[in-house]
C-alpha atoms as a PDB file:
ATOM      1  CA  UNK A   1      24.322 -37.003  46.081  1.00  0.00           C
ATOM      2  CA  UNK A   2      20.831 -35.397  45.955  1.00  0.00           C
ATOM      3  CA  UNK A   3      17.946 -37.529  47.114  1.00  0.00           C
ATOM      4  CA  UNK A   4      14.347 -37.487  45.951  1.00  0.00           C
ATOM      5  CA  UNK A   5      11.796 -36.140  48.444  1.00  0.00           C
ATOM      6  CA  UNK A   6       9.364 -38.752  49.666  1.00  0.00           C
ATOM      7  CA  UNK A   7       5.739 -38.267  50.552  1.00  0.00           C
ATOM      8  CA  UNK A   8       4.284 -39.873  53.704  1.00  0.00           C
ATOM      9  CA  UNK A   9       4.266 -43.659  53.268  1.00  0.00           C
ATOM     10  CA  UNK A  10       7.506 -43.737  51.285  1.00  0.00           C
ATOM     11  CA  UNK A  11       5.990 -42.773  47.887  1.00  0.00           C
ATOM     12  CA  UNK A  12       7.808 -40.189  45.752  1.00  0.00           C
ATOM     13  CA  UNK A  13       6.515 -36.668  46.324  1.00  0.00           C
ATOM     14  CA  UNK A  14       4.655 -34.872  43.552  1.00  0.00           C
ATOM     15  CA  UNK A  15       6.919 -32.738  41.364  1.00  0.00           C
ATOM     16  CA  UNK A  16       7.124 -29.082  42.327  1.00  0.00           C
ATOM     17  CA  UNK A  17       8.344 -25.922  40.712  1.00  0.00           C
ATOM     18  CA  UNK A  18       7.675 -24.162  37.439  1.00  0.00           C
ATOM     19  CA  UNK A  19       7.351 -27.350  35.362  1.00  0.00           C
ATOM     20  CA  UNK A  20       4.752 -28.809  37.700  1.00  0.00           C
ATOM     21  CA  UNK A  21       2.758 -25.568  37.693  1.00  0.00           C
ATOM     22  CA  UNK A  22       2.866 -25.495  33.900  1.00  0.00           C
ATOM     23  CA  UNK A  23       1.482 -29.020  33.631  1.00  0.00           C
ATOM     24  CA  UNK A  24      -1.164 -28.203  36.228  1.00  0.00           C
ATOM     25  CA  UNK A  25      -2.310 -25.154  34.277  1.00  0.00           C
ATOM     26  CA  UNK A  26      -2.380 -27.200  31.066  1.00  0.00           C
ATOM     27  CA  UNK A  27      -4.610 -29.803  32.725  1.00  0.00           C
ATOM     28  CA  UNK A  28      -6.922 -27.124  34.096  1.00  0.00           C
ATOM     29  CA  UNK A  29      -7.172 -25.435  30.701  1.00  0.00           C
ATOM     30  CA  UNK A  30      -8.210 -28.732  29.048  1.00  0.00           C
ATOM     31  CA  UNK A  31      -6.152 -27.957  25.962  1.00  0.00           C
ATOM     32  CA  UNK A  32      -7.452 -29.309  22.626  1.00  0.00           C
ATOM     33  CA  UNK A  33      -4.393 -31.360  21.811  1.00  0.00           C
ATOM     34  CA  UNK A  34      -5.436 -32.625  18.379  1.00  0.00           C
ATOM     35  CA  UNK A  35      -6.053 -29.115  16.943  1.00  0.00           C
ATOM     36  CA  UNK A  36      -2.827 -27.928  18.578  1.00  0.00           C
ATOM     37  CA  UNK A  37      -0.847 -30.767  16.969  1.00  0.00           C
ATOM     38  CA  UNK A  38      -2.404 -29.968  13.577  1.00  0.00           C
ATOM     39  CA  UNK A  39      -1.593 -26.274  14.025  1.00  0.00           C
ATOM     40  CA  UNK A  40       2.023 -27.068  14.960  1.00  0.00           C
ATOM     41  CA  UNK A  41       2.408 -29.382  11.949  1.00  0.00           C
ATOM     42  CA  UNK A  42       0.953 -26.680   9.687  1.00  0.00           C
ATOM     43  CA  UNK A  43       3.357 -24.040  10.987  1.00  0.00           C
ATOM     44  CA  UNK A  44       6.361 -26.377  10.848  1.00  0.00           C
ATOM     45  CA  UNK A  45       5.508 -27.328   7.261  1.00  0.00           C
ATOM     46  CA  UNK A  46       5.135 -23.675   6.295  1.00  0.00           C
ATOM     47  CA  UNK A  47       8.395 -22.557   7.915  1.00  0.00           C
ATOM     48  CA  UNK A  48      10.599 -25.516   6.981  1.00  0.00           C
ATOM     49  CA  UNK A  49       9.015 -26.496   3.667  1.00  0.00           C
ATOM     50  CA  UNK A  50      12.337 -26.570   1.750  1.00  0.00           C
ATOM     51  CA  UNK A  51      13.800 -28.936   4.362  1.00  0.00           C
ATOM     52  CA  UNK A  52      10.769 -31.197   4.721  1.00  0.00           C
ATOM     53  CA  UNK A  53       9.707 -31.551   1.085  1.00  0.00           C
ATOM     54  CA  UNK A  54      11.401 -34.572  -0.518  1.00  0.00           C
ATOM     55  CA  UNK A  55      11.291 -33.007  -4.011  1.00  0.00           C
ATOM     56  CA  UNK A  56      10.977 -29.685  -5.764  1.00  0.00           C
ATOM     57  CA  UNK A  57       7.202 -29.054  -5.962  1.00  0.00           C
ATOM     58  CA  UNK A  58       7.491 -27.642  -9.484  1.00  0.00           C
ATOM     59  CA  UNK A  59       9.879 -30.258 -10.892  1.00  0.00           C
ATOM     60  CA  UNK A  60       8.558 -32.124 -13.943  1.00  0.00           C
ATOM     61  CA  UNK A  61       9.321 -35.824 -14.216  1.00  0.00           C
ATOM     62  CA  UNK A  62       8.171 -37.568 -17.404  1.00  0.00           C
ATOM     63  CA  UNK A  63       9.348 -41.008 -16.226  1.00  0.00           C
ATOM     64  CA  UNK A  64       7.283 -40.980 -13.021  1.00  0.00           C
ATOM     65  CA  UNK A  65       3.964 -39.550 -14.141  1.00  0.00           C
ATOM     66  CA  UNK A  66       0.717 -40.567 -12.421  1.00  0.00           C
ATOM     67  CA  UNK A  67       2.435 -42.776  -9.848  1.00  0.00           C
ATOM     68  CA  UNK A  68      -0.165 -44.150  -7.436  1.00  0.00           C
ATOM     69  CA  UNK A  69       0.254 -43.318  -3.726  1.00  0.00           C
ATOM     70  CA  UNK A  70       1.938 -45.733  -1.296  1.00  0.00           C
ATOM     71  CA  UNK A  71       3.456 -47.788  -4.115  1.00  0.00           C
ATOM     72  CA  UNK A  72       6.977 -46.402  -3.765  1.00  0.00           C
ATOM     73  CA  UNK A  73       8.870 -44.646  -0.996  1.00  0.00           C
ATOM     74  CA  UNK A  74      10.219 -42.114  -3.479  1.00  0.00           C
ATOM     75  CA  UNK A  75       6.759 -40.648  -4.061  1.00  0.00           C
ATOM     76  CA  UNK A  76       4.802 -41.494  -0.934  1.00  0.00           C
ATOM     77  CA  UNK A  77       1.564 -39.761  -1.989  1.00  0.00           C
ATOM     78  CA  UNK A  78       2.074 -40.309  -5.701  1.00  0.00           C
ATOM     79  CA  UNK A  79       2.622 -37.877  -8.561  1.00  0.00           C
ATOM     80  CA  UNK A  80       0.400 -35.918 -10.908  1.00  0.00           C
ATOM     81  CA  UNK A  81       0.183 -36.115 -14.698  1.00  0.00           C
ATOM     82  CA  UNK A  82       3.349 -34.020 -15.004  1.00  0.00           C
ATOM     83  CA  UNK A  83       5.331 -36.104 -12.525  1.00  0.00           C
ATOM     84  CA  UNK A  84       5.193 -33.525  -9.714  1.00  0.00           C
ATOM     85  CA  UNK A  85       5.397 -34.981  -6.217  1.00  0.00           C
ATOM     86  CA  UNK A  86       2.054 -34.609  -4.400  1.00  0.00           C
ATOM     87  CA  UNK A  87       3.553 -34.679  -0.895  1.00  0.00           C
ATOM     88  CA  UNK A  88       6.002 -31.888  -1.688  1.00  0.00           C
ATOM     89  CA  UNK A  89       3.229 -29.769  -3.191  1.00  0.00           C
ATOM     90  CA  UNK A  90       1.046 -30.272  -0.106  1.00  0.00           C
ATOM     91  CA  UNK A  91       3.907 -29.200   2.172  1.00  0.00           C
ATOM     92  CA  UNK A  92       4.562 -26.080   0.120  1.00  0.00           C
ATOM     93  CA  UNK A  93       0.808 -25.508  -0.079  1.00  0.00           C
ATOM     94  CA  UNK A  94       0.805 -25.191   3.711  1.00  0.00           C
ATOM     95  CA  UNK A  95       3.245 -22.295   3.357  1.00  0.00           C
ATOM     96  CA  UNK A  96       0.914 -20.578   0.887  1.00  0.00           C
ATOM     97  CA  UNK A  97      -2.118 -21.016   3.136  1.00  0.00           C
ATOM     98  CA  UNK A  98      -0.318 -19.821   6.274  1.00  0.00           C
ATOM     99  CA  UNK A  99       1.162 -16.771   4.550  1.00  0.00           C
ATOM    100  CA  UNK A 100      -2.135 -15.654   3.029  1.00  0.00           C
ATOM    101  CA  UNK A 101      -4.041 -16.312   6.266  1.00  0.00           C
ATOM    102  CA  UNK A 102      -1.594 -14.422   8.480  1.00  0.00           C
ATOM    103  CA  UNK A 103      -1.297 -11.373   6.234  1.00  0.00           C
ATOM    104  CA  UNK A 104      -4.994 -11.191   5.283  1.00  0.00           C
ATOM    105  CA  UNK A 105      -6.264 -11.836   8.814  1.00  0.00           C
ATOM    106  CA  UNK A 106      -3.718  -9.443  10.298  1.00  0.00           C
ATOM    107  CA  UNK A 107      -4.773  -6.701   7.899  1.00  0.00           C
ATOM    108  CA  UNK A 108      -8.469  -7.403   8.418  1.00  0.00           C
ATOM    109  CA  UNK A 109      -8.035  -7.496  12.201  1.00  0.00           C
ATOM    110  CA  UNK A 110      -6.209  -4.149  12.333  1.00  0.00           C
ATOM    111  CA  UNK A 111      -8.631  -2.348  10.019  1.00  0.00           C
ATOM    112  CA  UNK A 112     -11.781  -3.944  11.432  1.00  0.00           C
ATOM    113  CA  UNK A 113     -10.825  -3.480  15.090  1.00  0.00           C
ATOM    114  CA  UNK A 114      -9.920   0.177  14.519  1.00  0.00           C
ATOM    115  CA  UNK A 115     -13.227   0.822  12.745  1.00  0.00           C
ATOM    116  CA  UNK A 116     -15.181  -1.018  15.453  1.00  0.00           C
ATOM    117  CA  UNK A 117     -13.512   0.926  18.287  1.00  0.00           C
ATOM    118  CA  UNK A 118     -14.048   4.293  16.591  1.00  0.00           C
ATOM    119  CA  UNK A 119     -17.644   3.441  15.706  1.00  0.00           C
ATOM    120  CA  UNK A 120     -18.568   2.253  19.191  1.00  0.00           C
ATOM    121  CA  UNK A 121     -16.754   5.062  20.992  1.00  0.00           C
ATOM    122  CA  UNK A 122     -18.123   8.029  19.060  1.00  0.00           C
ATOM    123  CA  UNK A 123     -21.564   6.621  18.258  1.00  0.00           C
ATOM    124  CA  UNK A 124     -24.103   8.835  16.507  1.00  0.00           C
ATOM    125  CA  UNK A 125     -24.217   9.154  12.749  1.00  0.00           C
ATOM    126  CA  UNK A 126     -20.677   7.865  12.356  1.00  0.00           C
ATOM    127  CA  UNK A 127     -21.648   4.653  14.135  1.00  0.00           C
ATOM    128  CA  UNK A 128     -24.792   4.258  12.025  1.00  0.00           C
ATOM    129  CA  UNK A 129     -22.908   4.804   8.761  1.00  0.00           C
ATOM    130  CA  UNK A 130     -20.051   2.439   9.585  1.00  0.00           C
ATOM    131  CA  UNK A 131     -22.380  -0.298  10.838  1.00  0.00           C
ATOM    132  CA  UNK A 132     -24.498  -0.091   7.679  1.00  0.00           C
ATOM    133  CA  UNK A 133     -21.304  -0.653   5.702  1.00  0.00           C
ATOM    134  CA  UNK A 134     -20.481  -3.616   7.932  1.00  0.00           C
ATOM    135  CA  UNK A 135     -23.985  -5.002   7.410  1.00  0.00           C
ATOM    136  CA  UNK A 136     -23.570  -4.685   3.645  1.00  0.00           C
ATOM    137  CA  UNK A 137     -20.272  -6.604   3.697  1.00  0.00           C
ATOM    138  CA  UNK A 138     -21.604  -9.314   6.020  1.00  0.00           C
ATOM    139  CA  UNK A 139     -24.795  -9.674   4.004  1.00  0.00           C
ATOM    140  CA  UNK A 140     -22.958 -10.214   0.715  1.00  0.00           C
ATOM    141  CA  UNK A 141     -21.942 -13.772  -0.234  1.00  0.00           C
ATOM    142  CA  UNK A 142     -18.298 -14.066   0.811  1.00  0.00           C
ATOM    143  CA  UNK A 143     -17.001 -15.959  -2.215  1.00  0.00           C
ATOM    144  CA  UNK A 144     -18.880 -13.702  -4.637  1.00  0.00           C
ATOM    145  CA  UNK A 145     -17.528 -10.577  -2.948  1.00  0.00           C
ATOM    146  CA  UNK A 146     -14.000 -12.009  -3.092  1.00  0.00           C
ATOM    147  CA  UNK A 147     -14.446 -12.858  -6.770  1.00  0.00           C
ATOM    148  CA  UNK A 148     -15.508  -9.292  -7.532  1.00  0.00           C
ATOM    149  CA  UNK A 149     -12.565  -7.825  -5.615  1.00  0.00           C
ATOM    150  CA  UNK A 150     -10.058 -10.137  -7.310  1.00  0.00           C
ATOM    151  CA  UNK A 151     -11.487  -9.253 -10.721  1.00  0.00           C
ATOM    152  CA  UNK A 152     -11.251  -5.528  -9.992  1.00  0.00           C
ATOM    153  CA  UNK A 153      -7.715  -5.933  -8.605  1.00  0.00           C
ATOM    154  CA  UNK A 154      -6.516  -7.531 -11.822  1.00  0.00           C
ATOM    155  CA  UNK A 155      -7.018 -11.288 -11.646  1.00  0.00           C
ATOM    156  CA  UNK A 156      -5.195 -14.189 -10.029  1.00  0.00           C
ATOM    157  CA  UNK A 157      -2.251 -13.576  -7.730  1.00  0.00           C
ATOM    158  CA  UNK A 158      -1.285 -13.943  -4.090  1.00  0.00           C
ATOM    159  CA  UNK A 159      -1.457 -10.199  -3.474  1.00  0.00           C
ATOM    160  CA  UNK A 160      -4.957  -9.936  -4.925  1.00  0.00           C
ATOM    161  CA  UNK A 161      -6.113 -12.923  -2.873  1.00  0.00           C
ATOM    162  CA  UNK A 162      -4.830 -11.228   0.295  1.00  0.00           C
ATOM    163  CA  UNK A 163      -6.720  -8.050  -0.593  1.00  0.00           C
ATOM    164  CA  UNK A 164      -9.899 -10.008  -1.308  1.00  0.00           C
ATOM    165  CA  UNK A 165      -9.731 -12.033   1.914  1.00  0.00           C
ATOM    166  CA  UNK A 166      -8.925  -8.989   4.062  1.00  0.00           C
ATOM    167  CA  UNK A 167     -11.823  -7.094   2.480  1.00  0.00           C
ATOM    168  CA  UNK A 168     -14.238  -9.865   3.456  1.00  0.00           C
ATOM    169  CA  UNK A 169     -13.089 -10.497   7.059  1.00  0.00           C
ATOM    170  CA  UNK A 170     -12.596  -6.980   8.444  1.00  0.00           C
ATOM    171  CA  UNK A 171     -16.338  -6.527   8.973  1.00  0.00           C
ATOM    172  CA  UNK A 172     -16.499  -9.396  11.497  1.00  0.00           C
ATOM    173  CA  UNK A 173     -13.757  -7.795  13.589  1.00  0.00           C
ATOM    174  CA  UNK A 174     -15.501  -4.431  13.374  1.00  0.00           C
ATOM    175  CA  UNK A 175     -18.846  -5.849  14.501  1.00  0.00           C
ATOM    176  CA  UNK A 176     -17.408  -7.708  17.496  1.00  0.00           C
ATOM    177  CA  UNK A 177     -15.094  -4.869  18.558  1.00  0.00           C
ATOM    178  CA  UNK A 178     -17.902  -2.321  18.384  1.00  0.00           C
ATOM    179  CA  UNK A 179     -20.100  -4.485  20.600  1.00  0.00           C
ATOM    180  CA  UNK A 180     -17.364  -4.684  23.228  1.00  0.00           C
ATOM    181  CA  UNK A 181     -16.709  -0.943  23.123  1.00  0.00           C
ATOM    182  CA  UNK A 182     -20.364  -0.091  23.754  1.00  0.00           C
ATOM    183  CA  UNK A 183     -20.113  -1.680  27.196  1.00  0.00           C
ATOM    184  CA  UNK A 184     -16.488  -0.786  27.985  1.00  0.00           C
ATOM    185  CA  UNK A 185     -16.918   2.955  27.387  1.00  0.00           C
ATOM    186  CA  UNK A 186     -19.546   3.115  30.141  1.00  0.00           C
ATOM    187  CA  UNK A 187     -17.167   1.790  32.820  1.00  0.00           C
ATOM    188  CA  UNK A 188     -15.716   3.928  35.562  1.00  0.00           C
ATOM    189  CA  UNK A 189     -12.097   3.963  34.360  1.00  0.00           C
ATOM    190  CA  UNK A 190     -13.172   5.432  31.004  1.00  0.00           C
ATOM    191  CA  UNK A 191     -15.361   8.025  32.717  1.00  0.00           C
ATOM    192  CA  UNK A 192     -12.475   9.017  35.011  1.00  0.00           C
ATOM    193  CA  UNK A 193     -10.193   9.366  31.984  1.00  0.00           C
ATOM    194  CA  UNK A 194     -12.755  11.733  30.430  1.00  0.00           C
ATOM    195  CA  UNK A 195     -12.899  13.803  33.626  1.00  0.00           C
ATOM    196  CA  UNK A 196      -9.092  13.951  33.759  1.00  0.00           C
ATOM    197  CA  UNK A 197      -9.068  15.470  30.270  1.00  0.00           C
ATOM    198  CA  UNK A 198      -7.488  12.542  28.430  1.00  0.00           C
ATOM    199  CA  UNK A 199      -7.981  12.821  24.676  1.00  0.00           C
ATOM    200  CA  UNK A 200     -10.235  10.417  22.791  1.00  0.00           C
ATOM    201  CA  UNK A 201      -7.418   8.714  20.799  1.00  0.00           C
ATOM    202  CA  UNK A 202      -5.472   8.041  24.006  1.00  0.00           C
ATOM    203  CA  UNK A 203      -8.573   6.639  25.733  1.00  0.00           C
ATOM    204  CA  UNK A 204      -9.276   4.334  22.795  1.00  0.00           C
ATOM    205  CA  UNK A 205      -5.668   3.135  22.641  1.00  0.00           C
ATOM    206  CA  UNK A 206      -4.766   2.825  26.332  1.00  0.00           C
ATOM    207  CA  UNK A 207      -8.086   2.077  27.999  1.00  0.00           C
ATOM    208  CA  UNK A 208     -10.414   0.482  25.460  1.00  0.00           C
ATOM    209  CA  UNK A 209      -8.193  -1.458  23.061  1.00  0.00           C
ATOM    210  CA  UNK A 210      -6.533  -3.656  25.762  1.00  0.00           C
ATOM    211  CA  UNK A 211     -10.018  -4.775  26.830  1.00  0.00           C
ATOM    212  CA  UNK A 212     -10.934  -5.740  23.259  1.00  0.00           C
ATOM    213  CA  UNK A 213      -7.855  -7.884  22.574  1.00  0.00           C
ATOM    214  CA  UNK A 214      -9.432 -11.105  23.852  1.00  0.00           C
ATOM    215  CA  UNK A 215     -12.399 -10.690  21.525  1.00  0.00           C
ATOM    216  CA  UNK A 216     -10.088  -9.984  18.588  1.00  0.00           C
ATOM    217  CA  UNK A 217      -8.086 -13.142  19.353  1.00  0.00           C
ATOM    218  CA  UNK A 218     -11.230 -15.263  19.459  1.00  0.00           C
ATOM    219  CA  UNK A 219     -12.559 -13.869  16.176  1.00  0.00           C
ATOM    220  CA  UNK A 220      -9.161 -14.370  14.511  1.00  0.00           C
ATOM    221  CA  UNK A 221      -8.908 -17.986  15.674  1.00  0.00           C
ATOM    222  CA  UNK A 222     -12.411 -18.725  14.373  1.00  0.00           C
ATOM    223  CA  UNK A 223     -11.659 -17.075  11.017  1.00  0.00           C
ATOM    224  CA  UNK A 224      -8.382 -18.885  10.282  1.00  0.00           C
ATOM    225  CA  UNK A 225     -10.197 -21.935   8.936  1.00  0.00           C
ATOM    226  CA  UNK A 226     -12.613 -19.809   6.907  1.00  0.00           C
ATOM    227  CA  UNK A 227      -9.711 -17.835   5.464  1.00  0.00           C
ATOM    228  CA  UNK A 228      -7.894 -20.982   4.354  1.00  0.00           C
ATOM    229  CA  UNK A 229     -11.124 -22.300   2.860  1.00  0.00           C
ATOM    230  CA  UNK A 230     -11.766 -19.015   1.027  1.00  0.00           C
ATOM    231  CA  UNK A 231      -8.242 -18.978  -0.414  1.00  0.00           C
ATOM    232  CA  UNK A 232      -8.658 -22.581  -1.534  1.00  0.00           C
ATOM    233  CA  UNK A 233     -12.042 -21.769  -3.084  1.00  0.00           C
ATOM    234  CA  UNK A 234     -10.635 -18.853  -5.068  1.00  0.00           C
ATOM    235  CA  UNK A 235      -7.699 -20.975  -6.259  1.00  0.00           C
ATOM    236  CA  UNK A 236     -10.112 -23.774  -7.183  1.00  0.00           C
ATOM    237  CA  UNK A 237     -12.125 -21.319  -9.273  1.00  0.00           C
ATOM    238  CA  UNK A 238      -8.970 -20.135 -11.023  1.00  0.00           C
ATOM    239  CA  UNK A 239      -8.879 -16.592  -9.597  1.00  0.00           C
ATOM    240  CA  UNK A 240      -6.645 -17.210  -6.581  1.00  0.00           C
ATOM    241  CA  UNK A 241      -3.094 -18.487  -6.596  1.00  0.00           C
ATOM    242  CA  UNK A 242      -1.909 -18.859 -10.226  1.00  0.00           C
ATOM    243  CA  UNK A 243      -2.325 -22.349 -11.747  1.00  0.00           C
ATOM    244  CA  UNK A 244       0.712 -24.562 -11.313  1.00  0.00           C
ATOM    245  CA  UNK A 245       1.782 -23.002  -8.012  1.00  0.00           C
ATOM    246  CA  UNK A 246       1.795 -25.315  -4.972  1.00  0.00           C
ATOM    247  CA  UNK A 247      -1.504 -24.406  -3.309  1.00  0.00           C
ATOM    248  CA  UNK A 248      -4.166 -26.740  -1.989  1.00  0.00           C
ATOM    249  CA  UNK A 249      -7.006 -25.161  -3.927  1.00  0.00           C
ATOM    250  CA  UNK A 250      -5.002 -25.274  -7.155  1.00  0.00           C
ATOM    251  CA  UNK A 251      -4.230 -28.953  -6.590  1.00  0.00           C
ATOM    252  CA  UNK A 252      -7.897 -29.806  -6.042  1.00  0.00           C
ATOM    253  CA  UNK A 253      -8.798 -27.860  -9.187  1.00  0.00           C
ATOM    254  CA  UNK A 254      -6.137 -29.681 -11.223  1.00  0.00           C
ATOM    255  CA  UNK A 255      -7.418 -33.059 -10.069  1.00  0.00           C
ATOM    256  CA  UNK A 256     -11.155 -32.524 -10.535  1.00  0.00           C
ATOM    257  CA  UNK A 257     -11.141 -33.598 -14.205  1.00  0.00           C
ATOM    258  CA  UNK A 258      -9.376 -36.877 -13.359  1.00  0.00           C
ATOM    259  CA  UNK A 259     -11.186 -37.564 -10.095  1.00  0.00           C
ATOM    260  CA  UNK A 260     -11.973 -41.162 -11.056  1.00  0.00           C
ATOM    261  CA  UNK A 261      -8.757 -42.037 -12.910  1.00  0.00           C
ATOM    262  CA  UNK A 262      -6.150 -40.168 -10.805  1.00  0.00           C
ATOM    263  CA  UNK A 263      -8.170 -39.840  -7.601  1.00  0.00           C
ATOM    264  CA  UNK A 264      -5.237 -38.923  -5.361  1.00  0.00           C
ATOM    265  CA  UNK A 265      -4.651 -35.587  -7.105  1.00  0.00           C
ATOM    266  CA  UNK A 266      -7.704 -34.020  -5.428  1.00  0.00           C
ATOM    267  CA  UNK A 267      -8.114 -36.324  -2.426  1.00  0.00           C
ATOM    268  CA  UNK A 268      -4.966 -35.516  -0.440  1.00  0.00           C
ATOM    269  CA  UNK A 269      -5.054 -31.705  -0.736  1.00  0.00           C
ATOM    270  CA  UNK A 270      -8.800 -31.885  -0.048  1.00  0.00           C
ATOM    271  CA  UNK A 271      -8.101 -33.857   3.133  1.00  0.00           C
ATOM    272  CA  UNK A 272      -5.470 -31.307   4.141  1.00  0.00           C
ATOM    273  CA  UNK A 273      -7.989 -28.477   3.764  1.00  0.00           C
ATOM    274  CA  UNK A 274     -10.658 -30.379   5.714  1.00  0.00           C
ATOM    275  CA  UNK A 275      -8.372 -31.358   8.598  1.00  0.00           C
ATOM    276  CA  UNK A 276      -6.887 -27.875   8.996  1.00  0.00           C
ATOM    277  CA  UNK A 277     -10.237 -26.064   8.790  1.00  0.00           C
ATOM    278  CA  UNK A 278     -11.895 -28.393  11.297  1.00  0.00           C
ATOM    279  CA  UNK A 279      -8.930 -28.164  13.676  1.00  0.00           C
ATOM    280  CA  UNK A 280      -8.903 -24.370  13.557  1.00  0.00           C
ATOM    281  CA  UNK A 281     -12.651 -24.263  14.222  1.00  0.00           C
ATOM    282  CA  UNK A 282     -12.279 -26.565  17.239  1.00  0.00           C
ATOM    283  CA  UNK A 283      -9.352 -24.493  18.523  1.00  0.00           C
ATOM    284  CA  UNK A 284     -11.363 -21.293  18.086  1.00  0.00           C
ATOM    285  CA  UNK A 285     -14.265 -22.759  20.044  1.00  0.00           C
ATOM    286  CA  UNK A 286     -11.909 -23.763  22.866  1.00  0.00           C
ATOM    287  CA  UNK A 287     -10.252 -20.334  22.927  1.00  0.00           C
ATOM    288  CA  UNK A 288     -13.638 -18.611  23.090  1.00  0.00           C
ATOM    289  CA  UNK A 289     -14.687 -20.758  26.049  1.00  0.00           C
ATOM    290  CA  UNK A 290     -11.314 -20.333  27.780  1.00  0.00           C
ATOM    291  CA  UNK A 291     -11.173 -16.532  27.453  1.00  0.00           C
ATOM    292  CA  UNK A 292     -14.820 -15.994  28.424  1.00  0.00           C
ATOM    293  CA  UNK A 293     -14.878 -15.636  32.245  1.00  0.00           C
ATOM    294  CA  UNK A 294     -18.598 -16.435  32.377  1.00  0.00           C
ATOM    295  CA  UNK A 295     -18.083 -19.780  30.653  1.00  0.00           C
ATOM    296  CA  UNK A 296     -15.066 -20.548  32.872  1.00  0.00           C
ATOM    297  CA  UNK A 297     -17.103 -19.927  36.002  1.00  0.00           C
ATOM    298  CA  UNK A 298     -19.959 -22.051  34.645  1.00  0.00           C
ATOM    299  CA  UNK A 299     -17.483 -24.898  34.022  1.00  0.00           C
END
């Protein structure tokens, strides 16, 4: 039978191997556990919404309308004026927020990073023109710009919300990527690639882009909360996700007229938005500090 190794003095030795190294790295990284738990819960709710939701989020129930929260186990967070279960709608609302955020941020990251790399690499008039466009997008009120884009695209709808959000976030990726490229393109490995006759597209893809990934990850993590908040704002204003669909902004909008009588309609989805946005901001701050070698050395 295997025996446990003992340290000098008869005490059990510290665990070794891959598991021990993993825990050691986690302690050194000082992981933000609360934002990570919130992120995991958000993703689990989005992926397994049909399994986790106790009721159909769109099911009408005339017998159980306006049930107060925590008064019955059947409707833990209460029901709205149509008898729809609030908890089920919040769970399905997580799926809506995650889907829109992933698609819109992914699109914005790809477009913005490509524009930033091209702008910083070539410089000259192209750089000036692209950066003036970026300045115009960043200088315009985000919600107003999204409202205009949604109106032009044809009104409320998930697809139009994705287009509007992507059109407002790409400029931040472009600005940050361009700043990184300005310093990276002056390094020796890029100069040697020029001398070796490597084409500009290959240099940008193989030599510059891998060195911009960390910056793109940081910007994306910091924009997740803003993206969720923007989607909720558009839905609240009636130009985002169509009314009646399970989305946090829609739920807050539906409950604003009965905020004093049926207070839970707007409170719980509002809390969900607040907790997720704050957690994503904290996680983004941690990721920025963790991926920045200067800040790691200072710590």
